[in-house]
PDB file of all heavy atoms in Angstrom:
ATOM      1  N   ILE A   1      -1.603 106.380 193.767  1.00  0.00           N
ATOM      2  CA  ILE A   1      -0.452 106.375 192.916  1.00  0.00           C
ATOM      3  C   ILE A   1      -0.788 106.815 191.501  1.00  0.00           C
ATOM      4  O   ILE A   1      -0.086 107.620 190.855  1.00  0.00           O
ATOM      5  CB  ILE A   1       0.260 104.949 192.940  1.00  0.00           C
ATOM      6  CG1 ILE A   1       0.695 104.578 194.384  1.00  0.00           C
ATOM      7  CG2 ILE A   1       1.538 104.997 192.031  1.00  0.00           C
ATOM      8  CD1 ILE A   1       1.184 103.174 194.456  1.00  0.00           C
ATOM      9  N   GLU A   2      -1.819 106.182 191.009  1.00  0.00           N
ATOM     10  CA  GLU A   2      -2.278 106.452 189.601  1.00  0.00           C
ATOM     11  C   GLU A   2      -2.756 107.896 189.484  1.00  0.00           C
ATOM     12  O   GLU A   2      -2.407 108.641 188.476  1.00  0.00           O
ATOM     13  CB  GLU A   2      -3.420 105.593 189.246  1.00  0.00           C
ATOM     14  CG  GLU A   2      -3.939 105.819 187.749  1.00  0.00           C
ATOM     15  CD  GLU A   2      -4.965 104.821 187.322  1.00  0.00           C
ATOM     16  OE1 GLU A   2      -5.162 103.814 188.013  1.00  0.00           O
ATOM     17  OE2 GLU A   2      -5.609 105.124 186.341  1.00  0.00           O
ATOM     18  N   LYS A   3      -3.362 108.367 190.549  1.00  0.00           N
ATOM     19  CA  LYS A   3      -3.953 109.745 190.514  1.00  0.00           C
ATOM     20  C   LYS A   3      -2.754 110.769 190.496  1.00  0.00           C
ATOM     21  O   LYS A   3      -2.832 111.750 189.791  1.00  0.00           O
ATOM     22  CB  LYS A   3      -4.713 109.955 191.825  1.00  0.00           C
ATOM     23  CG  LYS A   3      -5.440 111.256 191.906  1.00  0.00           C
ATOM     24  CD  LYS A   3      -6.291 111.328 193.142  1.00  0.00           C
ATOM     25  CE  LYS A   3      -6.960 112.649 193.310  1.00  0.00           C
ATOM     26  NZ  LYS A   3      -7.706 112.818 194.571  1.00  0.00           N
ATOM     27  N   GLN A   4      -1.720 110.531 191.214  1.00  0.00           N
ATOM     28  CA  GLN A   4      -0.575 111.450 191.291  1.00  0.00           C
ATOM     29  C   GLN A   4       0.376 111.337 190.098  1.00  0.00           C
ATOM     30  O   GLN A   4       0.859 112.322 189.628  1.00  0.00           O
ATOM     31  CB  GLN A   4       0.183 111.215 192.623  1.00  0.00           C
ATOM     32  CG  GLN A   4      -0.547 111.466 193.853  1.00  0.00           C
ATOM     33  CD  GLN A   4      -0.666 113.063 194.114  1.00  0.00           C
ATOM     34  OE1 GLN A   4       0.124 113.789 193.677  1.00  0.00           O
ATOM     35  NE2 GLN A   4      -1.753 113.387 194.763  1.00  0.00           N
ATOM     36  N   LEU A   5       0.606 110.082 189.661  1.00  0.00           N
ATOM     37  CA  LEU A   5       1.678 109.934 188.563  1.00  0.00           C
ATOM     38  C   LEU A   5       0.995 109.668 187.224  1.00  0.00           C
ATOM     39  O   LEU A   5       1.755 109.608 186.171  1.00  0.00           O
ATOM     40  CB  LEU A   5       2.495 108.704 188.873  1.00  0.00           C
ATOM     41  CG  LEU A   5       3.270 108.834 190.245  1.00  0.00           C
ATOM     42  CD1 LEU A   5       4.092 107.569 190.521  1.00  0.00           C
ATOM     43  CD2 LEU A   5       4.182 110.017 190.240  1.00  0.00           C
ATOM     44  N   LYS A   6      -0.347 109.596 187.099  1.00  0.00           N
ATOM     45  CA  LYS A   6      -0.931 109.363 185.855  1.00  0.00           C
ATOM     46  C   LYS A   6      -0.565 108.110 185.165  1.00  0.00           C
ATOM     47  O   LYS A   6      -0.488 108.002 183.898  1.00  0.00           O
ATOM     48  CB  LYS A   6      -0.685 110.604 184.895  1.00  0.00           C
ATOM     49  CG  LYS A   6      -1.027 111.923 185.436  1.00  0.00           C
ATOM     50  CD  LYS A   6      -2.394 112.096 186.007  1.00  0.00           C
ATOM     51  CE  LYS A   6      -2.655 113.517 186.592  1.00  0.00           C
ATOM     52  NZ  LYS A   6      -3.955 113.592 187.315  1.00  0.00           N
ATOM     53  N   ILE A   7      -0.253 107.055 185.924  1.00  0.00           N
ATOM     54  CA  ILE A   7       0.169 105.794 185.462  1.00  0.00           C
ATOM     55  C   ILE A   7      -0.680 104.724 186.209  1.00  0.00           C
ATOM     56  O   ILE A   7      -0.866 104.847 187.375  1.00  0.00           O
ATOM     57  CB  ILE A   7       1.688 105.441 185.731  1.00  0.00           C
ATOM     58  CG1 ILE A   7       2.553 106.527 185.083  1.00  0.00           C
ATOM     59  CG2 ILE A   7       2.037 104.138 185.226  1.00  0.00           C
ATOM     60  CD1 ILE A   7       3.980 106.501 185.526  1.00  0.00           C
ATOM     61  N   LYS A   8      -1.206 103.769 185.452  1.00  0.00           N
ATOM     62  CA  LYS A   8      -2.008 102.710 186.168  1.00  0.00           C
ATOM     63  C   LYS A   8      -1.173 102.009 187.179  1.00  0.00           C
ATOM     64  O   LYS A   8      -0.064 101.584 186.903  1.00  0.00           O
ATOM     65  CB  LYS A   8      -2.542 101.754 185.126  1.00  0.00           C
ATOM     66  CG  LYS A   8      -3.639 102.327 184.200  1.00  0.00           C
ATOM     67  CD  LYS A   8      -4.269 101.220 183.357  1.00  0.00           C
ATOM     68  CE  LYS A   8      -5.370 101.837 182.480  1.00  0.00           C
ATOM     69  NZ  LYS A   8      -6.449 102.518 183.212  1.00  0.00           N
ATOM     70  N   ALA A   9      -1.751 101.821 188.374  1.00  0.00           N
ATOM     71  CA  ALA A   9      -0.956 101.144 189.430  1.00  0.00           C
ATOM     72  C   ALA A   9      -1.849 100.080 190.159  1.00  0.00           C
ATOM     73  O   ALA A   9      -3.011 100.317 190.450  1.00  0.00           O
ATOM     74  CB  ALA A   9      -0.556 102.196 190.485  1.00  0.00           C
ATOM     75  N   TYR A  10      -1.269  98.900 190.274  1.00  0.00           N
ATOM     76  CA  TYR A  10      -2.027  97.776 190.820  1.00  0.00           C
ATOM     77  C   TYR A  10      -1.180  97.075 191.839  1.00  0.00           C
ATOM     78  O   TYR A  10       0.016  97.142 191.857  1.00  0.00           O
ATOM     79  CB  TYR A  10      -2.355  96.834 189.624  1.00  0.00           C
ATOM     80  CG  TYR A  10      -3.108  97.384 188.545  1.00  0.00           C
ATOM     81  CD1 TYR A  10      -2.624  97.587 187.303  1.00  0.00           C
ATOM     82  CD2 TYR A  10      -4.488  97.694 188.691  1.00  0.00           C
ATOM     83  CE1 TYR A  10      -3.323  98.137 186.275  1.00  0.00           C
ATOM     84  CE2 TYR A  10      -5.290  98.215 187.679  1.00  0.00           C
ATOM     85  CZ  TYR A  10      -4.569  98.392 186.411  1.00  0.00           C
ATOM     86  OH  TYR A  10      -5.332  98.966 185.416  1.00  0.00           O
ATOM     87  N   LYS A  11      -1.903  96.341 192.631  1.00  0.00           N
ATOM     88  CA  LYS A  11      -1.196  95.458 193.668  1.00  0.00           C
ATOM     89  C   LYS A  11      -0.738  94.242 192.901  1.00  0.00           C
ATOM     90  O   LYS A  11      -1.416  93.567 192.147  1.00  0.00           O
ATOM     91  CB  LYS A  11      -2.187  95.015 194.691  1.00  0.00           C
ATOM     92  CG  LYS A  11      -2.313  96.105 195.784  1.00  0.00           C
ATOM     93  CD  LYS A  11      -2.965  95.577 197.072  1.00  0.00           C
ATOM     94  CE  LYS A  11      -3.044  96.703 198.111  1.00  0.00           C
ATOM     95  NZ  LYS A  11      -3.603  96.214 199.392  1.00  0.00           N
ATOM     96  N   GLY A  12       0.577  93.888 193.108  1.00  0.00           N
ATOM     97  CA  GLY A  12       1.119  92.623 192.670  1.00  0.00           C
ATOM     98  C   GLY A  12       0.865  91.498 193.568  1.00  0.00           C
ATOM     99  O   GLY A  12      -0.021  91.580 194.468  1.00  0.00           O
ATOM    100  N   PRO A  13       1.545  90.375 193.460  1.00  0.00           N
ATOM    101  CA  PRO A  13       1.335  89.233 194.288  1.00  0.00           C
ATOM    102  C   PRO A  13       1.826  89.381 195.646  1.00  0.00           C
ATOM    103  O   PRO A  13       2.743  90.271 195.883  1.00  0.00           O
ATOM    104  CB  PRO A  13       2.058  88.071 193.534  1.00  0.00           C
ATOM    105  CG  PRO A  13       3.160  88.798 192.815  1.00  0.00           C
ATOM    106  CD  PRO A  13       2.635  90.114 192.445  1.00  0.00           C
ATOM    107  N   SER A  14       1.316  88.563 196.647  1.00  0.00           N
ATOM    108  CA  SER A  14       1.746  88.709 198.049  1.00  0.00           C
ATOM    109  C   SER A  14       3.232  88.142 198.195  1.00  0.00           C
ATOM    110  O   SER A  14       3.895  88.439 199.062  1.00  0.00           O
ATOM    111  CB  SER A  14       0.856  87.891 198.916  1.00  0.00           C
ATOM    112  OG  SER A  14      -0.467  88.233 198.687  1.00  0.00           O
ATOM    113  N   ASN A  15       3.587  87.252 197.222  1.00  0.00           N
ATOM    114  CA  ASN A  15       4.866  86.661 197.344  1.00  0.00           C
ATOM    115  C   ASN A  15       5.595  86.787 196.033  1.00  0.00           C
ATOM    116  O   ASN A  15       5.016  86.731 194.988  1.00  0.00           O
ATOM    117  CB  ASN A  15       4.702  85.141 197.706  1.00  0.00           C
ATOM    118  CG  ASN A  15       6.033  84.459 198.018  1.00  0.00           C
ATOM    119  OD1 ASN A  15       6.805  84.105 197.107  1.00  0.00           O
ATOM    120  ND2 ASN A  15       6.310  84.368 199.310  1.00  0.00           N
ATOM    121  N   ALA A  16       6.928  87.210 196.061  1.00  0.00           N
ATOM    122  CA  ALA A  16       7.793  87.446 194.916  1.00  0.00           C
ATOM    123  C   ALA A  16       7.764  86.264 193.919  1.00  0.00           C
ATOM    124  O   ALA A  16       7.991  86.356 192.776  1.00  0.00           O
ATOM    125  CB  ALA A  16       9.146  87.803 195.276  1.00  0.00           C
ATOM    126  N   ALA A  17       7.610  85.002 194.491  1.00  0.00           N
ATOM    127  CA  ALA A  17       7.614  83.757 193.623  1.00  0.00           C
ATOM    128  C   ALA A  17       6.517  83.806 192.565  1.00  0.00           C
ATOM    129  O   ALA A  17       6.595  83.122 191.523  1.00  0.00           O
ATOM    130  CB  ALA A  17       7.471  82.558 194.532  1.00  0.00           C
ATOM    131  N   ASP A  18       5.430  84.623 192.859  1.00  0.00           N
ATOM    132  CA  ASP A  18       4.263  84.666 191.911  1.00  0.00           C
ATOM    133  C   ASP A  18       4.354  85.860 190.923  1.00  0.00           C
ATOM    134  O   ASP A  18       3.492  85.996 190.162  1.00  0.00           O
ATOM    135  CB  ASP A  18       2.958  84.792 192.689  1.00  0.00           C
ATOM    136  CG  ASP A  18       2.587  83.472 193.438  1.00  0.00           C
ATOM    137  OD1 ASP A  18       2.834  82.430 192.810  1.00  0.00           O
ATOM    138  OD2 ASP A  18       2.062  83.626 194.518  1.00  0.00           O
ATOM    139  N   LEU A  19       5.458  86.536 190.906  1.00  0.00           N
ATOM    140  CA  LEU A  19       5.559  87.764 190.038  1.00  0.00           C
ATOM    141  C   LEU A  19       5.604  87.344 188.603  1.00  0.00           C
ATOM    142  O   LEU A  19       4.870  87.929 187.729  1.00  0.00           O
ATOM    143  CB  LEU A  19       6.847  88.456 190.319  1.00  0.00           C
ATOM    144  CG  LEU A  19       6.696  89.777 191.107  1.00  0.00           C
ATOM    145  CD1 LEU A  19       8.060  90.387 191.501  1.00  0.00           C
ATOM    146  CD2 LEU A  19       5.898  90.782 190.425  1.00  0.00           C
ATOM    147  N   LYS A  20       6.263  86.261 188.307  1.00  0.00           N
ATOM    148  CA  LYS A  20       6.387  85.806 186.819  1.00  0.00           C
ATOM    149  C   LYS A  20       4.941  85.393 186.336  1.00  0.00           C
ATOM    150  O   LYS A  20       4.503  85.782 185.227  1.00  0.00           O
ATOM    151  CB  LYS A  20       7.365  84.599 186.697  1.00  0.00           C
ATOM    152  CG  LYS A  20       7.530  84.232 185.276  1.00  0.00           C
ATOM    153  CD  LYS A  20       8.597  83.097 185.110  1.00  0.00           C
ATOM    154  CE  LYS A  20       8.880  82.723 183.685  1.00  0.00           C
ATOM    155  NZ  LYS A  20       7.669  82.210 182.997  1.00  0.00           N
ATOM    156  N   LEU A  21       4.227  84.693 187.175  1.00  0.00           N
ATOM    157  CA  LEU A  21       2.810  84.210 186.807  1.00  0.00           C
ATOM    158  C   LEU A  21       1.988  85.478 186.557  1.00  0.00           C
ATOM    159  O   LEU A  21       1.183  85.552 185.601  1.00  0.00           O
ATOM    160  CB  LEU A  21       2.240  83.383 187.916  1.00  0.00           C
ATOM    161  CG  LEU A  21       0.774  83.136 187.794  1.00  0.00           C
ATOM    162  CD1 LEU A  21       0.428  82.165 186.597  1.00  0.00           C
ATOM    163  CD2 LEU A  21       0.215  82.419 189.019  1.00  0.00           C
ATOM    164  N   THR A  22       2.148  86.501 187.448  1.00  0.00           N
ATOM    165  CA  THR A  22       1.308  87.736 187.270  1.00  0.00           C
ATOM    166  C   THR A  22       1.687  88.450 185.997  1.00  0.00           C
ATOM    167  O   THR A  22       0.825  88.916 185.271  1.00  0.00           O
ATOM    168  CB  THR A  22       1.594  88.679 188.466  1.00  0.00           C
ATOM    169  OG1 THR A  22       1.292  87.941 189.723  1.00  0.00           O
ATOM    170  CG2 THR A  22       0.790  89.930 188.458  1.00  0.00           C
ATOM    171  N   LEU A  23       2.975  88.614 185.715  1.00  0.00           N
ATOM    172  CA  LEU A  23       3.467  89.318 184.499  1.00  0.00           C
ATOM    173  C   LEU A  23       2.988  88.610 183.253  1.00  0.00           C
ATOM    174  O   LEU A  23       2.668  89.273 182.220  1.00  0.00           O
ATOM    175  CB  LEU A  23       4.967  89.450 184.547  1.00  0.00           C
ATOM    176  CG  LEU A  23       5.562  90.355 185.629  1.00  0.00           C
ATOM    177  CD1 LEU A  23       7.018  90.257 185.746  1.00  0.00           C
ATOM    178  CD2 LEU A  23       5.123  91.863 185.330  1.00  0.00           C
ATOM    179  N   ASP A  24       2.917  87.243 183.307  1.00  0.00           N
ATOM    180  CA  ASP A  24       2.584  86.487 182.156  1.00  0.00           C
ATOM    181  C   ASP A  24       1.081  86.794 181.673  1.00  0.00           C
ATOM    182  O   ASP A  24       0.766  86.612 180.528  1.00  0.00           O
ATOM    183  CB  ASP A  24       2.718  84.981 182.336  1.00  0.00           C
ATOM    184  CG  ASP A  24       4.160  84.527 182.257  1.00  0.00           C
ATOM    185  OD1 ASP A  24       4.923  85.287 181.675  1.00  0.00           O
ATOM    186  OD2 ASP A  24       4.482  83.431 182.755  1.00  0.00           O
ATOM    187  N   ILE A  25       0.249  87.196 182.608  1.00  0.00           N
ATOM    188  CA  ILE A  25      -1.129  87.330 182.266  1.00  0.00           C
ATOM    189  C   ILE A  25      -1.664  88.773 182.398  1.00  0.00           C
ATOM    190  O   ILE A  25      -2.903  88.989 182.399  1.00  0.00           O
ATOM    191  CB  ILE A  25      -2.068  86.434 183.054  1.00  0.00           C
ATOM    192  CG1 ILE A  25      -1.967  86.664 184.602  1.00  0.00           C
ATOM    193  CG2 ILE A  25      -1.656  84.962 182.734  1.00  0.00           C
ATOM    194  CD1 ILE A  25      -2.929  85.879 185.400  1.00  0.00           C
ATOM    195  N   ILE A  26      -0.810  89.753 182.650  1.00  0.00           N
ATOM    196  CA  ILE A  26      -1.248  91.121 182.827  1.00  0.00           C
ATOM    197  C   ILE A  26      -2.028  91.658 181.591  1.00  0.00           C
ATOM    198  O   ILE A  26      -2.810  92.685 181.710  1.00  0.00           O
ATOM    199  CB  ILE A  26      -0.238  92.136 183.288  1.00  0.00           C
ATOM    200  CG1 ILE A  26       1.012  92.063 182.275  1.00  0.00           C
ATOM    201  CG2 ILE A  26       0.242  91.764 184.602  1.00  0.00           C
ATOM    202  CD1 ILE A  26       2.067  93.105 182.562  1.00  0.00           C
ATOM    203  N   ASP A  27      -1.748  91.124 180.418  1.00  0.00           N
ATOM    204  CA  ASP A  27      -2.507  91.504 179.268  1.00  0.00           C
ATOM    205  C   ASP A  27      -3.816  90.814 179.009  1.00  0.00           C
ATOM    206  O   ASP A  27      -4.541  91.060 178.075  1.00  0.00           O
ATOM    207  CB  ASP A  27      -1.600  91.431 177.999  1.00  0.00           C
ATOM    208  CG  ASP A  27      -1.004  90.025 177.837  1.00  0.00           C
ATOM    209  OD1 ASP A  27      -1.134  89.236 178.769  1.00  0.00           O
ATOM    210  OD2 ASP A  27      -0.457  89.715 176.768  1.00  0.00           O
ATOM    211  N   LYS A  28      -4.126  89.868 179.964  1.00  0.00           N
ATOM    212  CA  LYS A  28      -5.291  89.030 179.844  1.00  0.00           C
ATOM    213  C   LYS A  28      -6.316  89.277 180.962  1.00  0.00           C
ATOM    214  O   LYS A  28      -7.435  88.846 180.937  1.00  0.00           O
ATOM    215  CB  LYS A  28      -4.951  87.514 179.736  1.00  0.00           C
ATOM    216  CG  LYS A  28      -4.060  87.199 178.613  1.00  0.00           C
ATOM    217  CD  LYS A  28      -3.668  85.772 178.696  1.00  0.00           C
ATOM    218  CE  LYS A  28      -2.682  85.409 177.581  1.00  0.00           C
ATOM    219  NZ  LYS A  28      -2.070  84.032 177.821  1.00  0.00           N
ATOM    220  N   ILE A  29      -5.793  89.861 182.057  1.00  0.00           N
ATOM    221  CA  ILE A  29      -6.613  89.962 183.262  1.00  0.00           C
ATOM    222  C   ILE A  29      -6.413  91.377 183.814  1.00  0.00           C
ATOM    223  O   ILE A  29      -5.326  91.978 183.711  1.00  0.00           O
ATOM    224  CB  ILE A  29      -6.217  88.939 184.328  1.00  0.00           C
ATOM    225  CG1 ILE A  29      -7.172  89.030 185.565  1.00  0.00           C
ATOM    226  CG2 ILE A  29      -4.772  89.130 184.781  1.00  0.00           C
ATOM    227  CD1 ILE A  29      -6.945  87.909 186.581  1.00  0.00           C
ATOM    228  N   GLU A  30      -7.461  92.013 184.363  1.00  0.00           N
ATOM    229  CA  GLU A  30      -7.334  93.340 184.915  1.00  0.00           C
ATOM    230  C   GLU A  30      -6.975  93.110 186.428  1.00  0.00           C
ATOM    231  O   GLU A  30      -7.794  92.581 187.173  1.00  0.00           O
ATOM    232  CB  GLU A  30      -8.654  94.131 184.821  1.00  0.00           C
ATOM    233  CG  GLU A  30      -8.526  95.526 185.328  1.00  0.00           C
ATOM    234  CD  GLU A  30      -9.815  96.343 185.102  1.00  0.00           C
ATOM    235  OE1 GLU A  30     -10.641  95.905 184.279  1.00  0.00           O
ATOM    236  OE2 GLU A  30      -9.860  97.472 185.683  1.00  0.00           O
ATOM    237  N   LEU A  31      -5.784  93.628 186.756  1.00  0.00           N
ATOM    238  CA  LEU A  31      -5.446  93.540 188.174  1.00  0.00           C
ATOM    239  C   LEU A  31      -6.208  94.503 189.021  1.00  0.00           C
ATOM    240  O   LEU A  31      -6.971  95.292 188.461  1.00  0.00           O
ATOM    241  CB  LEU A  31      -3.926  93.777 188.239  1.00  0.00           C
ATOM    242  CG  LEU A  31      -2.986  92.823 187.536  1.00  0.00           C
ATOM    243  CD1 LEU A  31      -1.570  93.228 187.685  1.00  0.00           C
ATOM    244  CD2 LEU A  31      -3.155  91.400 188.028  1.00  0.00           C
ATOM    245  N   SER A  32      -5.986  94.467 190.405  1.00  0.00           N
ATOM    246  CA  SER A  32      -6.785  95.187 191.289  1.00  0.00           C
ATOM    247  C   SER A  32      -5.964  96.206 191.983  1.00  0.00           C
ATOM    248  O   SER A  32      -4.749  95.995 192.175  1.00  0.00           O
ATOM    249  CB  SER A  32      -7.432  94.315 192.305  1.00  0.00           C
ATOM    250  OG  SER A  32      -8.045  94.974 193.369  1.00  0.00           O
ATOM    251  N   THR A  33      -6.570  97.290 192.405  1.00  0.00           N
ATOM    252  CA  THR A  33      -5.883  98.328 193.285  1.00  0.00           C
ATOM    253  C   THR A  33      -5.888  97.986 194.767  1.00  0.00           C
ATOM    254  O   THR A  33      -5.213  98.614 195.516  1.00  0.00           O
ATOM    255  CB  THR A  33      -6.541  99.682 193.046  1.00  0.00           C
ATOM    256  OG1 THR A  33      -7.929  99.612 193.460  1.00  0.00           O
ATOM    257  CG2 THR A  33      -6.489 100.139 191.582  1.00  0.00           C
ATOM    258  N   ASN A  34      -6.663  96.962 195.096  1.00  0.00           N
ATOM    259  CA  ASN A  34      -6.755  96.625 196.536  1.00  0.00           C
ATOM    260  C   ASN A  34      -6.584  95.128 196.845  1.00  0.00           C
ATOM    261  O   ASN A  34      -6.442  94.798 198.044  1.00  0.00           O
ATOM    262  CB  ASN A  34      -7.996  97.208 197.188  1.00  0.00           C
ATOM    263  CG  ASN A  34      -9.260  96.744 196.408  1.00  0.00           C
ATOM    264  OD1 ASN A  34      -9.366  95.706 195.968  1.00  0.00           O
ATOM    265  ND2 ASN A  34     -10.184  97.716 196.250  1.00  0.00           N
ATOM    266  N   THR A  35      -6.701  94.262 195.876  1.00  0.00           N
ATOM    267  CA  THR A  35      -6.536  92.842 196.146  1.00  0.00           C
ATOM    268  C   THR A  35      -5.238  92.282 195.524  1.00  0.00           C
ATOM    269  O   THR A  35      -4.970  92.566 194.318  1.00  0.00           O
ATOM    270  CB  THR A  35      -7.724  92.041 195.415  1.00  0.00           C
ATOM    271  OG1 THR A  35      -9.003  92.504 195.970  1.00  0.00           O
ATOM    272  CG2 THR A  35      -7.573  90.563 195.752  1.00  0.00           C
ATOM    273  N   PRO A  36      -4.415  91.607 196.312  1.00  0.00           N
ATOM    274  CA  PRO A  36      -3.181  91.066 195.733  1.00  0.00           C
ATOM    275  C   PRO A  36      -3.429  90.260 194.510  1.00  0.00           C
ATOM    276  O   PRO A  36      -4.383  89.533 194.427  1.00  0.00           O
ATOM    277  CB  PRO A  36      -2.599  90.195 196.945  1.00  0.00           C
ATOM    278  CG  PRO A  36      -3.280  90.798 198.161  1.00  0.00           C
ATOM    279  CD  PRO A  36      -4.598  91.298 197.740  1.00  0.00           C
ATOM    280  N   ALA A  37      -2.525  90.306 193.556  1.00  0.00           N
ATOM    281  CA  ALA A  37      -2.710  89.653 192.255  1.00  0.00           C
ATOM    282  C   ALA A  37      -2.832  88.155 192.400  1.00  0.00           C
ATOM    283  O   ALA A  37      -3.613  87.618 191.672  1.00  0.00           O
ATOM    284  CB  ALA A  37      -1.505  90.050 191.342  1.00  0.00           C
ATOM    285  N   ASP A  38      -2.075  87.559 193.216  1.00  0.00           N
ATOM    286  CA  ASP A  38      -2.195  86.074 193.354  1.00  0.00           C
ATOM    287  C   ASP A  38      -3.543  85.664 193.725  1.00  0.00           C
ATOM    288  O   ASP A  38      -4.121  84.683 193.256  1.00  0.00           O
ATOM    289  CB  ASP A  38      -1.053  85.489 194.276  1.00  0.00           C
ATOM    290  CG  ASP A  38      -1.089  86.191 195.683  1.00  0.00           C
ATOM    291  OD1 ASP A  38      -1.297  87.382 195.669  1.00  0.00           O
ATOM    292  OD2 ASP A  38      -0.935  85.460 196.680  1.00  0.00           O
TER     293      ASP A  38
END
């Protein structure tokens, strides 16, 4: 996705309930392209 669109793309959490937690710390932690964020 990043290669084609030139935008950093990462895996979010496995469950939508964890999206807020993920968004709260995206400026403090480097997310992964293959491991779910949670």
